[in-house]
C-alpha atoms as a PDB file:
ATOM      1  CA  MET A   1     -98.722-157.610  73.060  1.00  0.00           C
ATOM      2  CA  GLN A   2    -102.120-157.841  71.474  1.00  0.00           C
ATOM      3  CA  ASN A   3    -104.128-161.037  71.282  1.00  0.00           C
ATOM      4  CA  SER A   4    -106.827-161.880  68.786  1.00  0.00           C
ATOM      5  CA  ALA A   5    -106.965-165.666  69.148  1.00  0.00           C
ATOM      6  CA  ARG A   6    -108.240-165.966  72.724  1.00  0.00           C
ATOM      7  CA  SER A   7    -110.662-164.012  74.834  1.00  0.00           C
ATOM      8  CA  PHE A   8    -110.037-163.742  78.559  1.00  0.00           C
ATOM      9  CA  ILE A   9    -113.146-161.635  79.200  1.00  0.00           C
ATOM     10  CA  SER A  10    -116.536-162.757  77.928  1.00  0.00           C
ATOM     11  CA  ILE A  11    -119.699-160.650  77.904  1.00  0.00           C
ATOM     12  CA  GLY A  12    -123.032-162.428  77.634  1.00  0.00           C
ATOM     13  CA  ALA A  13    -126.517-160.941  77.737  1.00  0.00           C
ATOM     14  CA  ASP A  14    -129.888-162.046  79.031  1.00  0.00           C
ATOM     15  CA  LEU A  15    -132.750-159.933  77.741  1.00  0.00           C
ATOM     16  CA  GLY A  16    -135.988-159.552  79.627  1.00  0.00           C
ATOM     17  CA  GLU A  17    -137.210-157.388  76.772  1.00  0.00           C
ATOM     18  CA  PRO A  18    -136.603-157.816  73.006  1.00  0.00           C
ATOM     19  CA  GLU A  19    -136.408-154.033  72.697  1.00  0.00           C
ATOM     20  CA  ALA A  20    -133.120-154.164  74.654  1.00  0.00           C
ATOM     21  CA  ASN A  21    -131.441-156.078  71.831  1.00  0.00           C
ATOM     22  CA  ALA A  22    -130.142-152.944  70.094  1.00  0.00           C
ATOM     23  CA  LEU A  23    -128.303-151.867  73.240  1.00  0.00           C
ATOM     24  CA  ALA A  24    -127.200-155.409  74.085  1.00  0.00           C
ATOM     25  CA  ASP A  25    -125.571-155.651  70.650  1.00  0.00           C
ATOM     26  CA  LEU A  26    -123.275-152.786  71.672  1.00  0.00           C
ATOM     27  CA  LYS A  27    -121.417-155.310  73.824  1.00  0.00           C
ATOM     28  CA  ILE A  28    -120.008-156.953  70.686  1.00  0.00           C
ATOM     29  CA  PRO A  29    -117.513-154.226  69.708  1.00  0.00           C
ATOM     30  CA  LEU A  30    -116.456-153.915  73.362  1.00  0.00           C
ATOM     31  CA  PHE A  31    -115.925-157.674  73.572  1.00  0.00           C
ATOM     32  CA  ARG A  32    -113.806-157.558  70.400  1.00  0.00           C
ATOM     33  CA  LEU A  33    -111.664-154.738  71.748  1.00  0.00           C
ATOM     34  CA  LEU A  34    -111.202-156.504  75.077  1.00  0.00           C
ATOM     35  CA  SER A  35    -110.146-159.613  73.138  1.00  0.00           C
ATOM     36  CA  GLU A  36    -107.588-157.518  71.260  1.00  0.00           C
ATOM     37  CA  TRP A  37    -106.158-155.619  74.215  1.00  0.00           C
ATOM     38  CA  VAL A  38    -106.355-158.022  77.172  1.00  0.00           C
ATOM     39  CA  ASN A  39    -103.653-160.650  76.703  1.00  0.00           C
ATOM     40  CA  SER A  40    -104.228-162.626  79.922  1.00  0.00           C
ATOM     41  CA  THR A  41    -106.481-162.916  82.961  1.00  0.00           C
ATOM     42  CA  HIS A  42    -103.406-161.748  84.870  1.00  0.00           C
ATOM     43  CA  CYS A  43    -104.207-164.414  87.461  1.00  0.00           C
ATOM     44  CA  ALA A  44    -102.814-167.957  87.297  1.00  0.00           C
ATOM     45  CA  ALA A  45    -105.902-169.353  89.072  1.00  0.00           C
ATOM     46  CA  ILE A  46    -108.421-168.567  86.317  1.00  0.00           C
ATOM     47  CA  ASP A  47    -108.799-168.630  82.548  1.00  0.00           C
ATOM     48  CA  GLU A  48    -111.743-166.260  82.172  1.00  0.00           C
ATOM     49  CA  TYR A  49    -113.746-163.365  83.572  1.00  0.00           C
ATOM     50  CA  ALA A  50    -117.359-164.101  82.558  1.00  0.00           C
ATOM     51  CA  LEU A  51    -119.608-161.039  82.675  1.00  0.00           C
ATOM     52  CA  VAL A  52    -123.354-161.312  82.048  1.00  0.00           C
ATOM     53  CA  LEU A  53    -125.569-158.329  81.258  1.00  0.00           C
ATOM     54  CA  ARG A  54    -129.103-158.797  82.628  1.00  0.00           C
ATOM     55  CA  PHE A  55    -131.574-156.396  81.023  1.00  0.00           C
ATOM     56  CA  ASP A  56    -134.900-156.119  82.873  1.00  0.00           C
ATOM     57  CA  GLY A  57    -138.062-156.053  80.832  1.00  0.00           C
ATOM     58  CA  ARG A  58    -141.576-157.393  80.587  1.00  0.00           C
ATOM     59  CA  PHE A  59    -140.430-161.022  80.296  1.00  0.00           C
ATOM     60  CA  ALA A  60    -137.838-161.082  83.082  1.00  0.00           C
ATOM     61  CA  GLN A  61    -136.848-159.001  86.086  1.00  0.00           C
ATOM     62  CA  PHE A  62    -133.365-159.478  87.475  1.00  0.00           C
ATOM     63  CA  GLY A  63    -133.339-157.051  90.391  1.00  0.00           C
ATOM     64  CA  GLU A  64    -131.842-153.743  91.354  1.00  0.00           C
ATOM     65  CA  GLU A  65    -129.202-152.017  89.273  1.00  0.00           C
ATOM     66  CA  GLY A  66    -125.682-153.173  89.938  1.00  0.00           C
ATOM     67  CA  LEU A  67    -123.630-156.294  90.357  1.00  0.00           C
ATOM     68  CA  ALA A  68    -125.093-159.591  91.542  1.00  0.00           C
ATOM     69  CA  ARG A  69    -124.267-163.275  91.782  1.00  0.00           C
ATOM     70  CA  LEU A  70    -120.494-162.935  91.928  1.00  0.00           C
ATOM     71  CA  ARG A  71    -119.125-166.480  91.835  1.00  0.00           C
ATOM     72  CA  LEU A  72    -115.695-168.033  91.655  1.00  0.00           C
ATOM     73  CA  ALA A  73    -115.699-171.460  90.021  1.00  0.00           C
ATOM     74  CA  LYS A  74    -112.266-172.728  91.029  1.00  0.00           C
ATOM     75  CA  ALA A  75    -112.578-176.133  89.370  1.00  0.00           C
ATOM     76  CA  ARG A  76    -113.772-174.614  86.083  1.00  0.00           C
ATOM     77  CA  ARG A  77    -111.220-171.765  86.366  1.00  0.00           C
ATOM     78  CA  TYR A  78    -113.454-168.730  85.932  1.00  0.00           C
ATOM     79  CA  VAL A  79    -115.034-165.937  87.914  1.00  0.00           C
ATOM     80  CA  THR A  80    -118.426-164.560  86.913  1.00  0.00           C
ATOM     81  CA  VAL A  81    -120.698-161.702  87.856  1.00  0.00           C
ATOM     82  CA  ASP A  82    -124.036-160.401  86.608  1.00  0.00           C
ATOM     83  CA  ILE A  83    -124.492-156.760  85.683  1.00  0.00           C
ATOM     84  CA  GLN A  84    -128.166-156.023  86.339  1.00  0.00           C
ATOM     85  CA  ILE A  85    -129.706-153.226  84.286  1.00  0.00           C
ATOM     86  CA  PRO A  86    -133.286-152.227  85.168  1.00  0.00           C
ATOM     87  CA  GLU A  87    -135.621-151.084  82.417  1.00  0.00           C
ATOM     88  CA  ALA A  88    -135.755-147.574  83.919  1.00  0.00           C
ATOM     89  CA  VAL A  89    -131.979-147.371  83.425  1.00  0.00           C
ATOM     90  CA  TRP A  90    -131.523-148.747  79.899  1.00  0.00           C
ATOM     91  CA  LYS A  91    -134.719-147.604  78.197  1.00  0.00           C
ATOM     92  CA  PRO A  92    -133.959-143.853  78.112  1.00  0.00           C
ATOM     93  CA  MET A  93    -130.382-144.395  76.880  1.00  0.00           C
ATOM     94  CA  ASN A  94    -129.163-143.829  73.368  1.00  0.00           C
ATOM     95  CA  ALA A  95    -126.210-145.779  71.959  1.00  0.00           C
ATOM     96  CA  GLU A  96    -123.543-143.291  73.058  1.00  0.00           C
ATOM     97  CA  ASP A  97    -124.944-143.116  76.610  1.00  0.00           C
ATOM     98  CA  PHE A  98    -125.066-146.887  76.803  1.00  0.00           C
ATOM     99  CA  LYS A  99    -121.477-147.296  75.590  1.00  0.00           C
ATOM    100  CA  SER A 100    -120.249-145.088  78.445  1.00  0.00           C
ATOM    101  CA  TYR A 101    -122.517-146.864  80.916  1.00  0.00           C
ATOM    102  CA  LEU A 102    -121.414-150.296  79.736  1.00  0.00           C
ATOM    103  CA  SER A 103    -117.734-149.360  79.974  1.00  0.00           C
ATOM    104  CA  ARG A 104    -118.191-148.183  83.574  1.00  0.00           C
ATOM    105  CA  GLN A 105    -120.175-151.296  84.530  1.00  0.00           C
ATOM    106  CA  VAL A 106    -117.620-153.655  82.967  1.00  0.00           C
ATOM    107  CA  LEU A 107    -114.845-151.930  84.903  1.00  0.00           C
ATOM    108  CA  LEU A 108    -116.825-152.205  88.168  1.00  0.00           C
ATOM    109  CA  ALA A 109    -117.571-155.865  87.437  1.00  0.00           C
ATOM    110  CA  LEU A 110    -113.925-156.666  86.770  1.00  0.00           C
ATOM    111  CA  ARG A 111    -112.892-154.862  89.964  1.00  0.00           C
ATOM    112  CA  ALA A 112    -115.386-157.016  91.889  1.00  0.00           C
ATOM    113  CA  CYS A 113    -114.001-160.161  90.242  1.00  0.00           C
ATOM    114  CA  VAL A 114    -110.441-159.180  91.135  1.00  0.00           C
ATOM    115  CA  ALA A 115    -111.460-158.459  94.736  1.00  0.00           C
ATOM    116  CA  ARG A 116    -113.061-161.917  94.919  1.00  0.00           C
ATOM    117  CA  LEU A 117    -109.889-163.549  93.636  1.00  0.00           C
ATOM    118  CA  GLN A 118    -107.777-161.595  96.105  1.00  0.00           C
ATOM    119  CA  LYS A 119    -110.101-162.610  98.949  1.00  0.00           C
ATOM    120  CA  GLU A 120    -109.134-166.211  98.106  1.00  0.00           C
ATOM    121  CA  LYS A 121    -105.473-165.132  98.280  1.00  0.00           C
ATOM    122  CA  PHE A 122    -104.909-165.459  94.536  1.00  0.00           C
ATOM    123  CA  ILE A 123    -102.379-163.077  93.029  1.00  0.00           C
ATOM    124  CA  VAL A 124    -103.799-160.787  90.356  1.00  0.00           C
ATOM    125  CA  GLU A 125    -101.614-158.450  88.329  1.00  0.00           C
ATOM    126  CA  GLU A 126    -104.192-155.677  88.705  1.00  0.00           C
ATOM    127  CA  GLN A 127    -102.168-152.873  87.181  1.00  0.00           C
ATOM    128  CA  ALA A 128    -101.550-154.768  83.935  1.00  0.00           C
ATOM    129  CA  LEU A 129    -105.144-156.009  83.695  1.00  0.00           C
ATOM    130  CA  PHE A 130    -106.726-152.611  84.234  1.00  0.00           C
ATOM    131  CA  ALA A 131    -104.241-150.852  81.947  1.00  0.00           C
ATOM    132  CA  GLN A 132    -105.277-153.202  79.125  1.00  0.00           C
ATOM    133  CA  VAL A 133    -108.993-152.928  79.965  1.00  0.00           C
ATOM    134  CA  GLY A 134    -108.581-149.146  80.037  1.00  0.00           C
ATOM    135  CA  MET A 135    -107.077-149.114  76.545  1.00  0.00           C
ATOM    136  CA  ALA A 136    -109.931-151.247  75.222  1.00  0.00           C
ATOM    137  CA  THR A 137    -112.694-149.174  76.832  1.00  0.00           C
ATOM    138  CA  GLN A 138    -111.067-145.913  75.756  1.00  0.00           C
ATOM    139  CA  GLU A 139    -110.999-147.098  72.139  1.00  0.00           C
ATOM    140  CA  TYR A 140    -114.588-148.377  72.472  1.00  0.00           C
ATOM    141  CA  ILE A 141    -115.966-145.095  73.775  1.00  0.00           C
ATOM    142  CA  SER A 142    -114.102-142.994  71.214  1.00  0.00           C
ATOM    143  CA  ALA A 143    -115.222-145.128  68.238  1.00  0.00           C
ATOM    144  CA  LYS A 144    -118.166-143.732  66.314  1.00  0.00           C
END
């Protein structure tokens, strides 16, 4: 079942460098595909996985590459995590490289979110979630 009315995975971006905007915009087609393919959070405790890309640059530094600030907001029914991308990582990338990188980072971020939910003893239908995410990222990477 495909869903186009509701998004269960959001992807925001915080740019420490205006030059990162071209790469940050590559999140939009991935977000659209995730909205198409992922038909649920696959966890009754939350309504959304909120991912935030943090691009380092001359105006802001977010820290080392990887995931940071993983938080579960039970009352507001979402789980969020930052994906920190240092300038030395994103600057040399072209669009195709970044699409692959972004797909891998989104998958890692979602795995961290699921682990956080499971730590709280919430049931997550992992297999269904990651099958749908896999379909979306596969289509994203193969699109020209």
